[in-house]
């Protein structure tokens, strides 16, 4: 009788461990070019400004890494999720990375000289349940 009880306890414990696996749900992010307008610069460069938000909470994401991939130039957003770049005009991809959020990589965007381009990023998250 003790053996059956012991086997039953082991089976219940084992089954409980198997069913306690966590699952992940990925909430995807997005980006949007808000505005492109003329902006005179000293060296005919292009200006990129933008903001980064959490897609679920709608709150700014501070200190997120933003990179211009084709020229390997990067910066971090400020405490309010805002960033600024001065780059040579050209066609580039922008990547935004943050710990705890999904990354976003844009398609190729043409940044024209003496033009300011504003981009809004909404980073997704990985939810563990």
C-alpha atoms as a PDB file:
ATOM      1  CA  UNK A   1       0.000   0.000   0.000  1.00  0.00           C
ATOM      2  CA  UNK A   2       2.852   2.401   0.822  1.00  0.00           C
ATOM      3  CA  UNK A   3       4.439   1.698  -2.562  1.00  0.00           C
ATOM      4  CA  UNK A   4       1.232   2.660  -4.397  1.00  0.00           C
ATOM      5  CA  UNK A   5       0.942   5.870  -2.408  1.00  0.00           C
ATOM      6  CA  UNK A   6       4.585   6.694  -3.074  1.00  0.00           C
ATOM      7  CA  UNK A   7       4.175   6.020  -6.828  1.00  0.00           C
ATOM      8  CA  UNK A   8       1.021   8.166  -6.856  1.00  0.00           C
ATOM      9  CA  UNK A   9       2.827  11.071  -5.186  1.00  0.00           C
ATOM     10  CA  UNK A  10       5.724  10.813  -7.652  1.00  0.00           C
ATOM     11  CA  UNK A  11       3.319  10.763 -10.627  1.00  0.00           C
ATOM     12  CA  UNK A  12       1.364  13.770  -9.356  1.00  0.00           C
ATOM     13  CA  UNK A  13       4.581  15.708  -8.695  1.00  0.00           C
ATOM     14  CA  UNK A  14       6.002  14.825 -12.135  1.00  0.00           C
ATOM     15  CA  UNK A  15       2.780  15.789 -13.896  1.00  0.00           C
ATOM     16  CA  UNK A  16       2.711  19.098 -12.026  1.00  0.00           C
ATOM     17  CA  UNK A  17       6.259  19.920 -13.145  1.00  0.00           C
ATOM     18  CA  UNK A  18       5.502  19.152 -16.776  1.00  0.00           C
ATOM     19  CA  UNK A  19       2.426  21.367 -16.883  1.00  0.00           C
ATOM     20  CA  UNK A  20       4.148  24.360 -15.260  1.00  0.00           C
ATOM     21  CA  UNK A  21       6.086  25.344 -18.406  1.00  0.00           C
ATOM     22  CA  UNK A  22       5.965  29.026 -19.247  1.00  0.00           C
ATOM     23  CA  UNK A  23       4.852  30.322 -22.636  1.00  0.00           C
ATOM     24  CA  UNK A  24       5.861  33.441 -24.489  1.00  0.00           C
ATOM     25  CA  UNK A  25       3.656  35.777 -26.460  1.00  0.00           C
ATOM     26  CA  UNK A  26       5.351  38.308 -28.709  1.00  0.00           C
ATOM     27  CA  UNK A  27       3.612  41.650 -29.189  1.00  0.00           C
ATOM     28  CA  UNK A  28       5.037  43.084 -32.410  1.00  0.00           C
ATOM     29  CA  UNK A  29       6.127  46.663 -32.790  1.00  0.00           C
ATOM     30  CA  UNK A  30       5.872  49.145 -35.634  1.00  0.00           C
ATOM     31  CA  UNK A  31       7.348  52.343 -37.022  1.00  0.00           C
ATOM     32  CA  UNK A  32       5.946  55.276 -38.937  1.00  0.00           C
ATOM     33  CA  UNK A  33       7.539  58.165 -40.783  1.00  0.00           C
ATOM     34  CA  UNK A  34       5.636  61.092 -39.291  1.00  0.00           C
ATOM     35  CA  UNK A  35       7.052  63.963 -41.309  1.00  0.00           C
ATOM     36  CA  UNK A  36       9.706  64.983 -43.834  1.00  0.00           C
ATOM     37  CA  UNK A  37      10.313  68.704 -44.200  1.00  0.00           C
ATOM     38  CA  UNK A  38      13.035  71.050 -45.463  1.00  0.00           C
ATOM     39  CA  UNK A  39      15.650  71.868 -42.827  1.00  0.00           C
ATOM     40  CA  UNK A  40      18.784  73.841 -43.669  1.00  0.00           C
ATOM     41  CA  UNK A  41      21.994  72.292 -42.337  1.00  0.00           C
ATOM     42  CA  UNK A  42      25.579  73.546 -42.519  1.00  0.00           C
ATOM     43  CA  UNK A  43      26.957  70.625 -44.505  1.00  0.00           C
ATOM     44  CA  UNK A  44      23.918  69.558 -46.593  1.00  0.00           C
ATOM     45  CA  UNK A  45      23.337  66.582 -44.312  1.00  0.00           C
ATOM     46  CA  UNK A  46      20.078  64.875 -43.364  1.00  0.00           C
ATOM     47  CA  UNK A  47      18.495  65.127 -39.919  1.00  0.00           C
ATOM     48  CA  UNK A  48      16.613  62.267 -38.260  1.00  0.00           C
ATOM     49  CA  UNK A  49      14.558  62.917 -35.152  1.00  0.00           C
ATOM     50  CA  UNK A  50      12.179  60.582 -33.429  1.00  0.00           C
ATOM     51  CA  UNK A  51      10.605  59.009 -30.392  1.00  0.00           C
ATOM     52  CA  UNK A  52      10.405  55.463 -29.054  1.00  0.00           C
ATOM     53  CA  UNK A  53       7.388  54.121 -27.146  1.00  0.00           C
ATOM     54  CA  UNK A  54       6.275  50.793 -25.670  1.00  0.00           C
ATOM     55  CA  UNK A  55       3.458  49.439 -27.856  1.00  0.00           C
ATOM     56  CA  UNK A  56       1.465  48.075 -24.878  1.00  0.00           C
ATOM     57  CA  UNK A  57       1.850  50.812 -22.264  1.00  0.00           C
ATOM     58  CA  UNK A  58       2.177  53.746 -24.717  1.00  0.00           C
ATOM     59  CA  UNK A  59       4.916  55.137 -22.438  1.00  0.00           C
ATOM     60  CA  UNK A  60       8.233  56.498 -23.765  1.00  0.00           C
ATOM     61  CA  UNK A  61      11.143  54.048 -23.667  1.00  0.00           C
ATOM     62  CA  UNK A  62      14.273  55.775 -22.323  1.00  0.00           C
ATOM     63  CA  UNK A  63      17.857  54.987 -23.335  1.00  0.00           C
ATOM     64  CA  UNK A  64      16.913  52.720 -26.259  1.00  0.00           C
ATOM     65  CA  UNK A  65      19.675  52.096 -28.824  1.00  0.00           C
ATOM     66  CA  UNK A  66      19.106  53.447 -32.330  1.00  0.00           C
ATOM     67  CA  UNK A  67      21.476  52.507 -35.158  1.00  0.00           C
ATOM     68  CA  UNK A  68      21.830  53.547 -38.788  1.00  0.00           C
ATOM     69  CA  UNK A  69      22.961  50.196 -40.160  1.00  0.00           C
ATOM     70  CA  UNK A  70      24.516  51.137 -43.483  1.00  0.00           C
ATOM     71  CA  UNK A  71      26.930  53.657 -41.958  1.00  0.00           C
ATOM     72  CA  UNK A  72      27.311  52.055 -38.527  1.00  0.00           C
ATOM     73  CA  UNK A  73      26.307  55.198 -36.665  1.00  0.00           C
ATOM     74  CA  UNK A  74      24.285  55.001 -33.466  1.00  0.00           C
ATOM     75  CA  UNK A  75      22.956  56.843 -30.466  1.00  0.00           C
ATOM     76  CA  UNK A  76      20.721  56.315 -27.452  1.00  0.00           C
ATOM     77  CA  UNK A  77      17.348  57.870 -26.854  1.00  0.00           C
ATOM     78  CA  UNK A  78      17.158  60.296 -23.954  1.00  0.00           C
ATOM     79  CA  UNK A  79      15.141  59.833 -20.757  1.00  0.00           C
ATOM     80  CA  UNK A  80      11.933  60.697 -22.671  1.00  0.00           C
ATOM     81  CA  UNK A  81      12.573  58.248 -25.515  1.00  0.00           C
ATOM     82  CA  UNK A  82      13.627  60.988 -27.975  1.00  0.00           C
ATOM     83  CA  UNK A  83      16.626  60.832 -30.329  1.00  0.00           C
ATOM     84  CA  UNK A  84      18.430  62.970 -32.934  1.00  0.00           C
ATOM     85  CA  UNK A  85      20.875  62.138 -35.760  1.00  0.00           C
ATOM     86  CA  UNK A  86      22.830  64.245 -38.222  1.00  0.00           C
ATOM     87  CA  UNK A  87      23.865  61.928 -41.083  1.00  0.00           C
ATOM     88  CA  UNK A  88      25.024  62.188 -44.693  1.00  0.00           C
ATOM     89  CA  UNK A  89      22.094  62.032 -47.111  1.00  0.00           C
ATOM     90  CA  UNK A  90      21.464  58.570 -48.511  1.00  0.00           C
ATOM     91  CA  UNK A  91      19.342  55.440 -48.289  1.00  0.00           C
ATOM     92  CA  UNK A  92      19.601  53.677 -44.933  1.00  0.00           C
ATOM     93  CA  UNK A  93      17.936  51.156 -42.650  1.00  0.00           C
ATOM     94  CA  UNK A  94      17.309  52.138 -39.021  1.00  0.00           C
ATOM     95  CA  UNK A  95      17.344  49.566 -36.214  1.00  0.00           C
ATOM     96  CA  UNK A  96      15.976  50.137 -32.712  1.00  0.00           C
ATOM     97  CA  UNK A  97      16.969  47.806 -29.851  1.00  0.00           C
ATOM     98  CA  UNK A  98      15.976  47.654 -26.204  1.00  0.00           C
ATOM     99  CA  UNK A  99      16.360  45.052 -23.469  1.00  0.00           C
ATOM    100  CA  UNK A 100      12.966  43.466 -22.771  1.00  0.00           C
ATOM    101  CA  UNK A 101      11.446  44.651 -26.053  1.00  0.00           C
ATOM    102  CA  UNK A 102      11.429  43.299 -29.584  1.00  0.00           C
ATOM    103  CA  UNK A 103      13.747  44.986 -32.052  1.00  0.00           C
ATOM    104  CA  UNK A 104      12.548  46.880 -35.104  1.00  0.00           C
ATOM    105  CA  UNK A 105      14.451  47.265 -38.348  1.00  0.00           C
ATOM    106  CA  UNK A 106      12.991  49.605 -40.955  1.00  0.00           C
ATOM    107  CA  UNK A 107      12.957  49.029 -44.664  1.00  0.00           C
ATOM    108  CA  UNK A 108      15.340  51.244 -46.628  1.00  0.00           C
ATOM    109  CA  UNK A 109      14.458  54.909 -46.161  1.00  0.00           C
ATOM    110  CA  UNK A 110      15.798  57.746 -48.297  1.00  0.00           C
ATOM    111  CA  UNK A 111      17.119  60.601 -46.182  1.00  0.00           C
ATOM    112  CA  UNK A 112      17.532  63.703 -48.325  1.00  0.00           C
ATOM    113  CA  UNK A 113      20.061  66.486 -47.759  1.00  0.00           C
ATOM    114  CA  UNK A 114      18.695  69.556 -45.990  1.00  0.00           C
ATOM    115  CA  UNK A 115      15.651  67.556 -44.879  1.00  0.00           C
ATOM    116  CA  UNK A 116      14.460  66.626 -41.404  1.00  0.00           C
ATOM    117  CA  UNK A 117      12.752  63.220 -41.130  1.00  0.00           C
ATOM    118  CA  UNK A 118      10.716  62.363 -38.036  1.00  0.00           C
ATOM    119  CA  UNK A 119      10.158  58.679 -37.190  1.00  0.00           C
ATOM    120  CA  UNK A 120       7.945  57.213 -34.463  1.00  0.00           C
ATOM    121  CA  UNK A 121       8.842  53.743 -33.151  1.00  0.00           C
ATOM    122  CA  UNK A 122       6.517  51.574 -31.062  1.00  0.00           C
ATOM    123  CA  UNK A 123       8.538  48.665 -29.684  1.00  0.00           C
ATOM    124  CA  UNK A 124       6.793  45.401 -28.973  1.00  0.00           C
ATOM    125  CA  UNK A 125       7.375  43.175 -25.968  1.00  0.00           C
ATOM    126  CA  UNK A 126       7.767  39.521 -25.104  1.00  0.00           C
ATOM    127  CA  UNK A 127       5.191  38.545 -22.486  1.00  0.00           C
ATOM    128  CA  UNK A 128       5.910  35.412 -20.448  1.00  0.00           C
ATOM    129  CA  UNK A 129       2.930  33.584 -18.979  1.00  0.00           C
END
